[in-house]
Protein backbone atom coordinates (compact mmCIF):
# COMPACT_ATOMS: atom_id res chain seq x y z
CA MET A 1 -174.48 -27.19 -43.55
CA THR A 2 -175.88 -30.72 -42.62
CA ALA A 3 -174.31 -33.53 -43.10
CA ASN A 4 -177.37 -35.76 -43.90
CA PRO A 5 -180.28 -33.70 -45.62
CA VAL A 6 -182.56 -36.68 -44.78
CA LEU A 7 -182.61 -39.02 -41.80
CA TRP A 8 -184.71 -42.05 -41.71
CA ASN A 9 -185.23 -44.80 -39.17
CA LEU A 10 -187.93 -47.98 -39.14
CA ASP A 11 -189.08 -48.89 -35.39
CA ALA A 12 -189.82 -52.24 -34.16
CA ARG A 13 -193.55 -51.41 -35.18
CA GLY A 14 -192.77 -51.14 -38.81
CA VAL A 15 -193.49 -47.43 -38.61
CA ALA A 16 -190.86 -45.17 -40.42
CA THR A 17 -189.94 -41.60 -39.66
CA VAL A 18 -188.57 -39.62 -42.43
CA THR A 19 -186.77 -36.20 -41.27
CA LEU A 20 -186.12 -33.36 -43.94
CA ASN A 21 -182.85 -32.51 -42.35
CA ARG A 22 -181.52 -28.95 -43.84
CA PRO A 23 -183.01 -26.78 -40.89
CA GLU A 24 -179.99 -23.95 -41.67
CA VAL A 25 -182.07 -23.39 -45.08
CA ASN A 26 -185.67 -24.29 -43.69
CA ASN A 27 -185.32 -27.89 -45.58
CA ALA A 28 -185.59 -26.07 -48.76
CA TYR A 29 -184.82 -28.91 -51.21
CA ASP A 30 -181.92 -29.45 -53.29
CA GLY A 31 -180.28 -31.93 -55.63
CA GLY A 32 -179.31 -33.49 -51.99
CA LEU A 33 -182.60 -33.07 -50.08
CA ILE A 34 -184.36 -34.88 -53.50
CA GLY A 35 -181.99 -37.74 -53.42
CA GLY A 36 -182.28 -38.22 -49.85
CA VAL A 37 -186.08 -38.64 -50.46
CA LEU A 38 -185.41 -41.31 -53.38
CA ALA A 39 -182.64 -43.24 -51.41
CA ALA A 40 -184.89 -43.40 -47.85
CA MET A 41 -188.11 -44.67 -50.36
CA ASP A 42 -185.48 -46.86 -51.89
CA GLU A 43 -184.32 -48.36 -48.29
CA LEU A 44 -188.11 -48.31 -46.78
CA GLY A 45 -189.03 -50.00 -49.77
CA LYS A 46 -186.63 -53.16 -49.20
CA LYS A 47 -188.26 -53.57 -45.36
CA PRO A 48 -190.67 -56.51 -45.38
CA ASN A 49 -192.07 -55.22 -42.19
CA LEU A 50 -192.73 -51.53 -43.27
CA ARG A 51 -196.46 -50.21 -41.89
CA VAL A 52 -196.49 -46.56 -41.87
CA VAL A 53 -194.46 -43.69 -42.97
CA VAL A 54 -194.30 -40.34 -40.94
CA LEU A 55 -192.91 -37.50 -42.62
CA ARG A 56 -191.39 -34.38 -40.54
CA GLY A 57 -189.24 -31.37 -41.14
CA ASN A 58 -186.42 -30.81 -38.80
CA GLY A 59 -186.41 -27.41 -37.00
CA LYS A 60 -189.02 -24.35 -37.17
CA HIS A 61 -190.21 -25.09 -40.60
CA PHE A 62 -191.58 -28.57 -42.18
CA GLN A 63 -190.33 -27.30 -45.76
CA ALA A 64 -189.85 -23.62 -47.46
CA GLY A 65 -190.03 -25.36 -51.19
CA ALA A 66 -187.14 -25.01 -53.38
CA ASP A 67 -183.70 -23.90 -52.57
CA LEU A 68 -183.63 -20.52 -54.89
CA LYS A 69 -180.02 -20.43 -55.18
CA TRP A 70 -179.40 -23.87 -55.98
CA ILE A 71 -182.32 -23.24 -58.76
CA ASN A 72 -180.92 -20.25 -60.07
CA GLY A 73 -177.21 -22.53 -60.41
CA VAL A 74 -179.05 -25.32 -62.27
CA ARG A 75 -181.23 -22.34 -64.45
CA PRO A 76 -178.28 -21.52 -67.10
CA LYS A 77 -177.74 -25.47 -67.72
CA SER A 78 -178.86 -27.17 -70.77
CA ALA A 79 -182.24 -27.92 -71.38
CA GLU A 80 -181.53 -32.00 -70.57
CA GLU A 81 -179.87 -30.97 -66.78
CA ASN A 82 -182.78 -28.69 -66.07
CA GLU A 83 -184.99 -31.92 -67.30
CA ALA A 84 -183.08 -33.97 -64.96
CA VAL A 85 -183.92 -31.93 -62.17
CA SER A 86 -187.30 -31.47 -62.54
CA ARG A 87 -187.80 -35.55 -63.23
CA ALA A 88 -186.13 -36.38 -60.14
CA THR A 89 -188.04 -34.08 -58.13
CA PHE A 90 -190.88 -35.04 -59.42
CA GLU A 91 -190.47 -38.61 -58.97
CA ALA A 92 -189.66 -37.85 -55.28
CA VAL A 93 -193.31 -36.83 -54.65
CA GLN A 94 -194.55 -39.45 -56.70
CA ARG A 95 -192.95 -42.27 -54.51
CA LEU A 96 -194.59 -40.84 -51.61
CA ASN A 97 -197.94 -40.21 -53.78
CA THR A 98 -197.91 -44.24 -54.73
CA LEU A 99 -195.68 -45.58 -51.51
CA PRO A 100 -198.44 -48.71 -51.06
CA ILE A 101 -198.56 -47.97 -47.42
CA PRO A 102 -200.06 -44.88 -45.17
CA THR A 103 -198.39 -41.68 -45.25
CA VAL A 104 -198.25 -39.40 -42.85
CA ALA A 105 -197.11 -35.78 -42.48
CA LEU A 106 -196.39 -33.63 -39.27
CA VAL A 107 -196.23 -29.80 -40.34
CA GLN A 108 -194.76 -26.59 -38.58
CA GLY A 109 -194.23 -23.66 -39.38
CA GLY A 110 -193.38 -22.69 -42.95
CA CYS A 111 -194.97 -24.94 -45.83
CA PHE A 112 -194.15 -23.57 -49.05
CA GLY A 113 -194.08 -24.09 -52.65
CA GLY A 114 -192.63 -28.12 -53.01
CA GLY A 115 -193.87 -28.34 -49.76
CA THR A 116 -197.32 -28.17 -50.36
CA GLY A 117 -197.18 -30.39 -52.84
CA VAL A 118 -195.16 -33.14 -50.97
CA ILE A 119 -197.82 -32.77 -48.12
CA SER A 120 -200.42 -33.25 -51.00
CA ALA A 121 -199.02 -36.58 -51.73
CA CYS A 122 -199.02 -37.82 -48.41
CA ASP A 123 -203.00 -39.81 -47.04
CA VAL A 124 -202.65 -37.65 -43.87
CA VAL A 125 -201.68 -34.45 -42.97
CA ILE A 126 -201.77 -33.07 -39.43
CA ALA A 127 -200.55 -29.67 -38.81
CA ALA A 128 -199.57 -27.07 -35.80
CA ASP A 129 -201.25 -24.39 -35.35
CA ASN A 130 -198.16 -22.18 -36.60
CA ALA A 131 -198.49 -23.62 -39.97
CA MET A 132 -197.97 -21.21 -43.04
CA PHE A 133 -198.96 -22.44 -46.70
CA SER A 134 -198.34 -21.07 -49.99
CA ILE A 135 -197.87 -22.13 -53.66
CA THR A 136 -195.33 -19.65 -54.39
CA GLU A 137 -193.93 -20.68 -57.53
CA VAL A 138 -195.63 -17.42 -59.56
CA ARG A 139 -193.90 -15.30 -57.35
CA TRP A 140 -190.54 -16.17 -58.83
CA GLY A 141 -191.97 -16.35 -62.44
CA LEU A 142 -191.78 -20.31 -61.93
CA THR A 143 -194.65 -23.02 -62.05
CA ALA A 144 -195.75 -25.45 -60.02
CA ALA A 145 -196.28 -27.90 -62.89
CA ILE A 146 -195.11 -31.10 -61.40
CA ILE A 147 -197.23 -31.06 -58.19
CA ILE A 148 -200.58 -29.55 -59.98
CA PRO A 149 -201.70 -32.86 -59.84
CA GLN A 150 -201.05 -33.49 -56.29
CA LEU A 151 -202.41 -30.21 -55.50
CA CYS A 152 -205.82 -30.75 -57.46
CA ASP A 153 -206.32 -34.22 -55.62
CA ALA A 154 -206.07 -32.18 -52.35
CA ILE A 155 -207.80 -28.96 -52.55
CA GLY A 156 -209.68 -29.46 -55.97
CA VAL A 157 -209.47 -27.15 -58.94
CA ARG A 158 -210.81 -24.47 -57.82
CA GLN A 159 -208.99 -23.61 -54.80
CA VAL A 160 -205.55 -24.44 -56.97
CA ARG A 161 -207.01 -21.60 -59.46
CA ARG A 162 -206.75 -19.15 -56.25
CA TYR A 163 -203.58 -19.97 -54.46
CA ALA A 164 -201.34 -21.15 -57.40
CA LEU A 165 -202.45 -17.93 -58.99
CA THR A 166 -202.20 -15.58 -56.09
CA GLY A 167 -199.01 -17.22 -54.32
CA GLU A 168 -200.65 -15.74 -50.95
CA ARG A 169 -199.85 -17.10 -47.63
CA PHE A 170 -202.44 -18.95 -45.46
CA GLY A 171 -203.12 -20.54 -42.04
CA ALA A 172 -203.41 -24.16 -40.41
CA ASP A 173 -207.30 -23.73 -40.52
CA GLU A 174 -207.72 -22.37 -43.98
CA ALA A 175 -205.29 -24.96 -45.31
CA ARG A 176 -207.73 -27.80 -43.08
CA ARG A 177 -210.99 -26.09 -44.72
CA ILE A 178 -209.59 -26.45 -47.77
CA GLY A 179 -208.53 -30.02 -47.73
CA LEU A 180 -204.96 -29.56 -47.94
CA VAL A 181 -204.44 -30.48 -44.21
CA HIS A 182 -206.69 -32.81 -42.04
CA GLU A 183 -206.34 -31.89 -38.76
CA VAL A 184 -204.60 -28.68 -36.57
CA ALA A 185 -203.30 -28.90 -33.45
CA PRO A 186 -201.39 -26.93 -31.01
CA LEU A 187 -197.48 -27.07 -32.03
CA ALA A 188 -196.43 -28.29 -28.43
CA ASP A 189 -199.37 -31.54 -29.11
CA LEU A 190 -197.87 -32.11 -32.65
CA GLU A 191 -195.92 -35.33 -32.14
CA THR A 192 -198.66 -36.45 -30.17
CA ALA A 193 -201.52 -36.04 -32.77
CA GLY A 194 -199.29 -38.08 -35.08
CA ALA A 195 -198.85 -40.80 -32.66
CA LYS A 196 -202.22 -41.25 -32.53
CA MET A 197 -202.65 -41.00 -36.15
CA VAL A 198 -200.34 -43.36 -36.49
CA GLU A 199 -201.45 -45.70 -33.90
CA GLN A 200 -205.40 -45.30 -35.88
CA LEU A 201 -203.30 -46.81 -38.91
CA LEU A 202 -201.80 -49.72 -37.56
CA ALA A 203 -204.88 -51.14 -35.70
CA ASN A 204 -205.97 -51.96 -39.49
CA GLY A 205 -205.09 -54.44 -42.11
CA PRO A 206 -202.08 -54.26 -43.86
CA GLU A 207 -203.12 -55.85 -46.93
CA ALA A 208 -206.50 -53.88 -46.31
CA LEU A 209 -204.70 -50.76 -46.71
CA ALA A 210 -202.75 -51.00 -49.69
CA GLU A 211 -205.71 -52.11 -51.62
CA THR A 212 -207.46 -49.12 -50.53
CA LYS A 213 -204.93 -46.90 -51.22
CA ALA A 214 -204.30 -48.43 -54.86
CA LEU A 215 -208.32 -48.27 -55.51
CA ALA A 216 -208.37 -44.58 -54.24
CA MET A 217 -205.19 -43.81 -56.53
CA GLU A 218 -207.16 -44.97 -59.63
CA SER A 219 -208.95 -42.09 -60.03
CA SER A 220 -206.63 -39.67 -58.77
CA PHE A 221 -205.13 -36.46 -61.06
CA GLY A 222 -202.11 -37.31 -58.69
CA GLY A 223 -201.56 -40.55 -60.14
CA VAL A 224 -199.59 -39.73 -63.04
CA ALA A 225 -196.84 -42.69 -63.57
CA VAL A 226 -193.43 -41.85 -64.43
CA ASP A 227 -193.42 -43.50 -67.93
CA ASP A 228 -196.93 -41.62 -69.17
CA ALA A 229 -196.84 -38.87 -71.30
CA ALA A 230 -198.53 -36.88 -69.00
CA TYR A 231 -195.36 -36.95 -66.65
CA ALA A 232 -192.73 -36.22 -69.51
CA ARG A 233 -194.98 -32.77 -70.41
CA LEU A 234 -195.22 -31.58 -66.97
CA VAL A 235 -191.50 -32.44 -66.45
CA LYS A 236 -190.61 -30.60 -69.43
CA MET A 237 -192.84 -27.66 -68.50
CA HIS A 238 -191.34 -27.61 -65.35
CA SER A 239 -187.86 -26.90 -66.34
CA ALA A 240 -188.46 -25.18 -69.42
CA ARG A 241 -189.95 -22.28 -67.32
CA ARG A 242 -186.95 -22.43 -65.23
CA GLN A 243 -184.82 -20.84 -67.87
CA THR A 244 -187.05 -18.28 -69.26
CA LYS A 245 -186.17 -14.48 -68.86
CA GLU A 246 -189.45 -14.38 -66.60
CA ALA A 247 -187.69 -17.06 -64.39
CA SER A 248 -184.58 -15.13 -64.10
CA GLU A 249 -186.32 -11.84 -63.38
CA GLY A 250 -188.21 -13.68 -60.65
CA LEU A 251 -185.09 -15.16 -58.99
CA ALA A 252 -182.98 -12.42 -59.17
CA SER A 253 -185.74 -10.18 -57.56
CA PHE A 254 -185.55 -13.12 -54.56
CA ALA A 255 -181.95 -12.40 -54.45
CA GLU A 256 -181.95 -8.46 -54.35
CA LYS A 257 -184.93 -8.41 -52.07
CA ARG A 258 -187.17 -6.30 -54.14
CA ALA A 259 -190.41 -6.73 -56.30
CA ALA A 260 -189.81 -8.20 -59.39
CA ASP A 261 -189.94 -5.96 -62.50
CA TRP A 262 -192.16 -7.94 -64.68
CA GLU A 263 -192.84 -5.30 -67.53
CA GLY A 264 -189.50 -4.28 -67.75
CA ASN A 265 -188.30 -8.20 -68.80
CA ALA A 266 -191.35 -9.32 -70.29
């Protein structure tokens, strides 16, 4: 297993690259990766010269959503422990969402479940032409509660009502059509496309960028603050759903590589 689930570096221009680094499980998130994202945001927040954050995933896939083996291990724990897990996950996404500097996500391969929430929380998303997306939670008897606000910002309620209910997969061109990504590039040119976008952002006034982003966030579904009642409700819903009988069956179906028996486990 990878020693450091999240890597980051900061160059002389003030451009930080944050890399999700669990390629052996397609960068699926667990407690370590969530903690790594939060730690990276903490450290980068101390850098006075920070101008742009680029988010990428190591390996063939950007981010495969939750590590369902880890989720299944969390599920039987106490309600308080489950809420703590959901709270940390929410805060990792929100830290990206509300960072006062521009964020750019570079997406290749799979981007599923929580991965779609992560990119929805970024300001600019560039996808490789091999990228594939899905809001998968319902397939496992779970809900995407803590990323629904960001998804509504990115693709609108109408598209969320389709893709978060069907759990279907869709490609990079459809993701661009509905607004989940801004640009599609050949896989071999993904890094180049990202570098061009970074240069575009660096050409702009840092204070003006921060103020513009803050103004945009004022009308944002995803701008839920961590001390808001809405935040607490989303965390409770997300964690409570994980502990239902339906979720138990959904996670078992994943582990056993079979179709879920929703009728027999209602």
